[in-house]
């Protein structure tokens, strides 16, 4: 696993006197976070613990050694073995978690993650990108990405990340309702976006997406539905009916299509996450 992990945060250089009390007490890393200790001088003791604080094993970390990583959520503590110890701590994660952990943005949509198995890097458009959870992931995996949205604040946040990471990405203000895309793409992604657009503009928006997709290219759409068994309780401006999204793409190859129940992050008056069906589609243009 370690060869697939990437560092997203590095702590300051610590000595016996400056190392925080927190690392000397029982603690653990977060879900999906590995901790890597690098000793530059002296010796440090790494102690594996149970949740109750009982010692399971211990390791002596020295300068120049390839020390084992602290696993996610594994309890441990450290202590200085020599007065001259100098060391630092880095946090690692899987590539898909890099931007969420480093910049506290939302995780990449699960359908984008799954679609990567079918896709090769090319020219991609994230339509309704928000702060870039999908766009950043695509850029990280070799796509030439254009990310557009109407939310100027979200775009400013995304542009800042793009500049800090020195990514090749075009970030722009765009009204999706205008259905005025002019460039062509190998992949157009729109996850949980269409339900916030003008209902009467959806046919034109989808037609524009299709027209601007290169032959052999893909459209990935996830959108809320309103069905008899799962009536939509949220006043979205648009929702798909049963089979409606599939009808739009009847001339395309449907790599994946379902209308399965899912949950919004929003909760009802009883505190339960709101359940409804989602139209989920990855389609390839013939």
Protein backbone atom coordinates (compact mmCIF):
# COMPACT_ATOMS: atom_id res chain seq x y z
CA UNK A 1 0.00 0.00 0.00
CA UNK A 2 2.78 2.47 0.93
CA UNK A 3 3.92 2.98 -2.67
CA UNK A 4 0.41 4.22 -3.53
CA UNK A 5 0.19 6.68 -0.65
CA UNK A 6 0.99 10.37 -0.96
CA UNK A 7 1.91 12.92 1.70
CA UNK A 8 -0.55 15.74 2.31
CA UNK A 9 0.79 17.35 5.49
CA UNK A 10 4.13 17.71 7.29
CA UNK A 11 4.48 18.78 10.91
CA UNK A 12 7.38 20.91 12.24
CA UNK A 13 10.72 19.48 13.33
CA UNK A 14 10.44 18.36 16.95
CA UNK A 15 13.01 17.70 19.69
CA UNK A 16 12.65 16.01 23.08
CA UNK A 17 11.64 19.37 24.57
CA UNK A 18 9.32 20.57 21.79
CA UNK A 19 7.46 17.38 20.84
CA UNK A 20 3.77 17.89 21.73
CA UNK A 21 2.29 16.22 24.78
CA UNK A 22 -0.47 14.84 22.52
CA UNK A 23 1.88 12.52 20.63
CA UNK A 24 3.32 11.20 23.89
CA UNK A 25 -0.14 10.13 25.06
CA UNK A 26 -2.35 7.45 23.52
CA UNK A 27 -3.72 8.73 20.21
CA UNK A 28 -4.55 7.53 16.71
CA UNK A 29 -4.74 8.84 13.17
CA UNK A 30 -7.98 9.52 11.32
CA UNK A 31 -9.77 7.20 8.92
CA UNK A 32 -7.71 6.96 5.72
CA UNK A 33 -4.65 8.62 7.27
CA UNK A 34 -1.25 7.00 7.74
CA UNK A 35 1.44 8.58 9.92
CA UNK A 36 5.12 8.43 8.91
CA UNK A 37 7.83 9.33 11.39
CA UNK A 38 11.26 10.37 10.14
CA UNK A 39 14.06 10.57 12.72
CA UNK A 40 16.95 12.87 11.77
CA UNK A 41 18.99 12.45 14.95
CA UNK A 42 18.93 10.29 18.07
CA UNK A 43 16.33 7.64 18.86
CA UNK A 44 12.55 7.61 19.28
CA UNK A 45 10.38 4.84 20.68
CA UNK A 46 7.12 4.05 18.87
CA UNK A 47 4.67 2.10 21.04
CA UNK A 48 1.64 0.28 19.62
CA UNK A 49 -1.34 0.26 21.98
CA UNK A 50 -4.76 -1.28 22.39
CA UNK A 51 -7.79 0.98 22.69
CA UNK A 52 -7.49 0.50 26.46
CA UNK A 53 -3.91 1.75 26.38
CA UNK A 54 -2.15 -1.57 26.87
CA UNK A 55 1.18 -1.98 25.07
CA UNK A 56 1.11 -4.43 22.16
CA UNK A 57 4.54 -3.86 20.63
CA UNK A 58 7.27 -1.26 20.45
CA UNK A 59 9.83 -0.17 17.88
CA UNK A 60 12.99 1.92 18.09
CA UNK A 61 13.12 4.51 15.30
CA UNK A 62 16.57 5.78 14.33
CA UNK A 63 17.98 8.18 11.75
CA UNK A 64 18.26 6.66 8.29
CA UNK A 65 15.89 3.77 9.03
CA UNK A 66 12.80 3.01 6.96
CA UNK A 67 10.35 3.01 9.83
CA UNK A 68 6.89 1.39 9.58
CA UNK A 69 3.94 3.72 9.21
CA UNK A 70 1.24 4.21 11.82
CA UNK A 71 -1.88 2.65 10.32
CA UNK A 72 -5.21 4.51 10.15
CA UNK A 73 -7.03 4.59 13.49
CA UNK A 74 -4.33 2.46 15.17
CA UNK A 75 -3.65 3.53 18.77
CA UNK A 76 -0.07 4.41 19.63
CA UNK A 77 2.24 6.87 21.37
CA UNK A 78 5.88 7.90 21.12
CA UNK A 79 8.61 8.76 23.59
CA UNK A 80 12.11 10.17 23.25
CA UNK A 81 14.85 7.62 23.97
CA UNK A 82 17.73 10.09 23.67
CA UNK A 83 18.04 13.74 24.69
CA UNK A 84 19.30 14.73 21.23
CA UNK A 85 16.38 13.27 19.25
CA UNK A 86 15.11 15.31 16.28
CA UNK A 87 12.17 14.07 14.22
CA UNK A 88 9.16 15.07 12.16
CA UNK A 89 5.79 13.56 11.34
CA UNK A 90 4.08 13.39 7.93
CA UNK A 91 0.52 12.37 7.14
CA UNK A 92 -0.18 10.20 4.09
CA UNK A 93 -3.36 9.15 2.31
CA UNK A 94 -4.59 7.45 -0.83
CA UNK A 95 -4.62 9.69 -3.94
CA UNK A 96 -8.44 9.95 -3.93
CA UNK A 97 -8.31 11.49 -0.43
CA UNK A 98 -5.47 13.94 -1.08
CA UNK A 99 -7.49 17.08 -1.86
CA UNK A 100 -10.24 16.45 0.74
CA UNK A 101 -7.66 15.93 3.49
CA UNK A 102 -5.30 18.73 2.49
CA UNK A 103 -7.90 21.36 1.60
CA UNK A 104 -10.95 20.14 3.53
CA UNK A 105 -13.06 19.90 0.37
CA UNK A 106 -15.70 17.26 -0.34
CA UNK A 107 -14.55 13.80 -1.47
CA UNK A 108 -14.68 12.87 -5.14
CA UNK A 109 -18.09 11.49 -6.11
CA UNK A 110 -18.18 7.70 -5.89
CA UNK A 111 -19.44 7.41 -9.49
CA UNK A 112 -16.46 9.39 -10.80
CA UNK A 113 -14.17 7.11 -8.81
CA UNK A 114 -15.83 4.03 -10.28
CA UNK A 115 -15.89 5.43 -13.83
CA UNK A 116 -12.10 5.74 -13.81
CA UNK A 117 -11.97 1.99 -14.49
CA UNK A 118 -13.55 2.64 -17.92
CA UNK A 119 -11.81 5.90 -18.81
CA UNK A 120 -8.48 6.96 -20.28
CA UNK A 121 -7.11 10.46 -19.68
CA UNK A 122 -8.37 13.02 -22.15
CA UNK A 123 -10.12 16.38 -22.27
CA UNK A 124 -12.71 16.62 -19.49
CA UNK A 125 -15.39 19.10 -18.44
CA UNK A 126 -16.78 19.25 -14.91
CA UNK A 127 -20.17 20.89 -15.41
CA UNK A 128 -21.20 22.46 -12.12
CA UNK A 129 -17.86 21.84 -10.43
CA UNK A 130 -18.46 23.58 -7.09
CA UNK A 131 -15.15 23.68 -5.23
CA UNK A 132 -13.74 21.04 -7.56
CA UNK A 133 -14.05 17.68 -5.83
CA UNK A 134 -14.36 15.88 -9.19
CA UNK A 135 -12.26 18.27 -11.27
CA UNK A 136 -9.26 18.03 -8.93
CA UNK A 137 -9.41 14.24 -8.93
CA UNK A 138 -9.57 14.12 -12.74
CA UNK A 139 -6.64 16.54 -13.07
CA UNK A 140 -4.67 14.43 -10.59
CA UNK A 141 -5.22 11.44 -12.89
CA UNK A 142 -3.97 13.05 -16.07
CA UNK A 143 -7.08 14.66 -17.55
CA UNK A 144 -6.97 18.09 -19.19
CA UNK A 145 -9.78 19.61 -17.14
CA UNK A 146 -12.12 22.55 -17.59
CA UNK A 147 -14.20 23.25 -14.47
CA UNK A 148 -17.19 25.60 -14.64
CA UNK A 149 -19.84 26.80 -12.21
CA UNK A 150 -22.00 29.83 -11.42
CA UNK A 151 -20.75 30.07 -7.83
CA UNK A 152 -17.96 32.64 -7.91
CA UNK A 153 -16.80 31.96 -4.34
CA UNK A 154 -16.48 28.23 -5.04
CA UNK A 155 -14.50 28.99 -8.18
CA UNK A 156 -12.14 31.27 -6.24
CA UNK A 157 -11.46 28.47 -3.75
CA UNK A 158 -10.85 26.01 -6.59
CA UNK A 159 -8.57 28.43 -8.45
CA UNK A 160 -6.51 28.89 -5.28
CA UNK A 161 -6.02 25.11 -4.97
CA UNK A 162 -5.13 24.84 -8.66
CA UNK A 163 -2.43 27.49 -8.24
CA UNK A 164 -1.04 25.99 -5.02
CA UNK A 165 -0.83 22.54 -6.63
CA UNK A 166 0.41 23.88 -9.99
CA UNK A 167 -2.31 21.96 -11.84
CA UNK A 168 -3.22 22.27 -15.50
CA UNK A 169 -6.88 23.27 -15.21
CA UNK A 170 -9.13 25.94 -16.69
CA UNK A 171 -11.57 27.34 -14.12
CA UNK A 172 -14.40 29.50 -15.41
CA UNK A 173 -17.75 31.14 -14.66
CA UNK A 174 -20.54 29.60 -16.75
CA UNK A 175 -24.33 29.51 -16.66
CA UNK A 176 -25.22 25.90 -17.43
CA UNK A 177 -28.78 26.96 -18.26
CA UNK A 178 -27.42 28.76 -21.32
CA UNK A 179 -26.54 25.40 -22.94
CA UNK A 180 -23.79 27.20 -24.81
CA UNK A 181 -20.76 24.90 -24.66
CA UNK A 182 -18.56 25.42 -27.72
CA UNK A 183 -15.51 23.21 -27.12
CA UNK A 184 -15.57 19.42 -27.42
CA UNK A 185 -14.60 16.96 -24.69
CA UNK A 186 -13.81 13.29 -24.16
CA UNK A 187 -15.64 13.33 -20.83
CA UNK A 188 -18.39 15.56 -19.43
CA UNK A 189 -19.25 15.07 -15.76
CA UNK A 190 -22.33 16.46 -14.01
CA UNK A 191 -22.97 14.96 -10.58
CA UNK A 192 -25.92 16.21 -8.48
CA UNK A 193 -26.15 19.41 -10.54
CA UNK A 194 -29.06 19.13 -12.98
CA UNK A 195 -31.67 19.21 -10.19
CA UNK A 196 -30.70 22.81 -9.42
CA UNK A 197 -31.17 24.03 -13.01
CA UNK A 198 -34.20 25.35 -14.88
CA UNK A 199 -36.47 22.44 -15.75
CA UNK A 200 -37.37 23.84 -19.17
CA UNK A 201 -33.66 24.10 -20.07
CA UNK A 202 -32.74 20.45 -19.34
CA UNK A 203 -33.41 19.16 -22.89
CA UNK A 204 -31.18 21.86 -24.39
CA UNK A 205 -28.49 21.34 -21.74
CA UNK A 206 -28.32 17.59 -22.36
CA UNK A 207 -28.38 18.04 -26.13
CA UNK A 208 -25.52 20.55 -25.85
CA UNK A 209 -23.55 18.11 -23.67
CA UNK A 210 -24.07 15.37 -26.22
CA UNK A 211 -23.17 17.57 -29.19
CA UNK A 212 -19.93 18.69 -27.51
CA UNK A 213 -18.81 15.16 -26.64
CA UNK A 214 -16.27 13.62 -29.00
CA UNK A 215 -17.15 10.30 -30.67
CA UNK A 216 -16.10 7.57 -28.24
CA UNK A 217 -16.36 10.07 -25.39
CA UNK A 218 -18.42 9.78 -22.23
CA UNK A 219 -21.12 11.60 -20.26
CA UNK A 220 -21.44 10.91 -16.55
CA UNK A 221 -24.64 12.15 -14.91
CA UNK A 222 -26.06 11.71 -11.41
CA UNK A 223 -29.34 13.48 -10.66
CA UNK A 224 -32.25 13.22 -8.24
CA UNK A 225 -35.53 11.65 -9.35
CA UNK A 226 -39.17 12.02 -8.35
CA UNK A 227 -40.96 8.65 -8.47
CA UNK A 228 -44.14 7.16 -7.02
CA UNK A 229 -42.29 4.92 -4.59
CA UNK A 230 -39.77 7.62 -3.62
CA UNK A 231 -41.48 11.00 -4.06
CA UNK A 232 -38.95 13.83 -3.84
CA UNK A 233 -39.47 15.80 -0.62
CA UNK A 234 -36.99 18.51 -1.57
CA UNK A 235 -38.12 21.43 -3.77
CA UNK A 236 -35.51 20.88 -6.48
CA UNK A 237 -36.19 22.87 -9.64
CA UNK A 238 -35.82 19.68 -11.68
CA UNK A 239 -35.96 15.91 -11.16
CA UNK A 240 -35.95 13.02 -13.62
CA UNK A 241 -38.90 10.67 -14.06
CA UNK A 242 -38.46 6.92 -14.49
CA UNK A 243 -36.51 6.08 -17.64
CA UNK A 244 -36.24 9.72 -18.68
CA UNK A 245 -32.45 10.03 -18.59
CA UNK A 246 -32.03 6.71 -20.43
CA UNK A 247 -34.36 7.99 -23.16
CA UNK A 248 -32.10 11.00 -23.75
CA UNK A 249 -29.20 8.61 -24.35
CA UNK A 250 -30.98 5.90 -26.35
CA UNK A 251 -28.45 6.26 -29.19
CA UNK A 252 -25.45 5.97 -26.84
CA UNK A 253 -23.90 2.89 -25.26
CA UNK A 254 -24.97 2.76 -21.62
CA UNK A 255 -21.89 1.57 -19.72
CA UNK A 256 -23.78 1.93 -16.45
CA UNK A 257 -27.36 2.92 -15.79
CA UNK A 258 -29.55 2.59 -12.73
CA UNK A 259 -32.27 4.43 -10.85
CA UNK A 260 -31.43 3.10 -7.41
CA UNK A 261 -32.56 4.58 -4.10
CA UNK A 262 -30.03 6.73 -2.30
CA UNK A 263 -29.81 9.39 0.39
CA UNK A 264 -29.24 13.12 0.40
CA UNK A 265 -27.04 14.69 3.05
CA UNK A 266 -30.12 16.71 4.00
CA UNK A 267 -32.28 15.35 6.81
CA UNK A 268 -36.03 15.36 7.39
CA UNK A 269 -37.85 16.70 10.45
CA UNK A 270 -37.11 13.44 12.28
CA UNK A 271 -33.37 13.74 11.69
CA UNK A 272 -33.20 10.99 9.07
CA UNK A 273 -31.35 11.46 5.80
CA UNK A 274 -33.84 12.01 2.98
CA UNK A 275 -34.22 8.98 0.72
CA UNK A 276 -35.01 9.22 -2.99
CA UNK A 277 -34.04 7.61 -6.27
CA UNK A 278 -31.12 8.89 -8.31
CA UNK A 279 -30.65 8.50 -12.05
CA UNK A 280 -27.02 7.39 -12.41
CA UNK A 281 -25.48 7.01 -15.85
CA UNK A 282 -22.15 6.55 -17.58
CA UNK A 283 -22.76 6.58 -21.34
CA UNK A 284 -20.39 6.32 -24.30
CA UNK A 285 -21.04 8.19 -27.54
CA UNK A 286 -21.04 5.91 -30.57
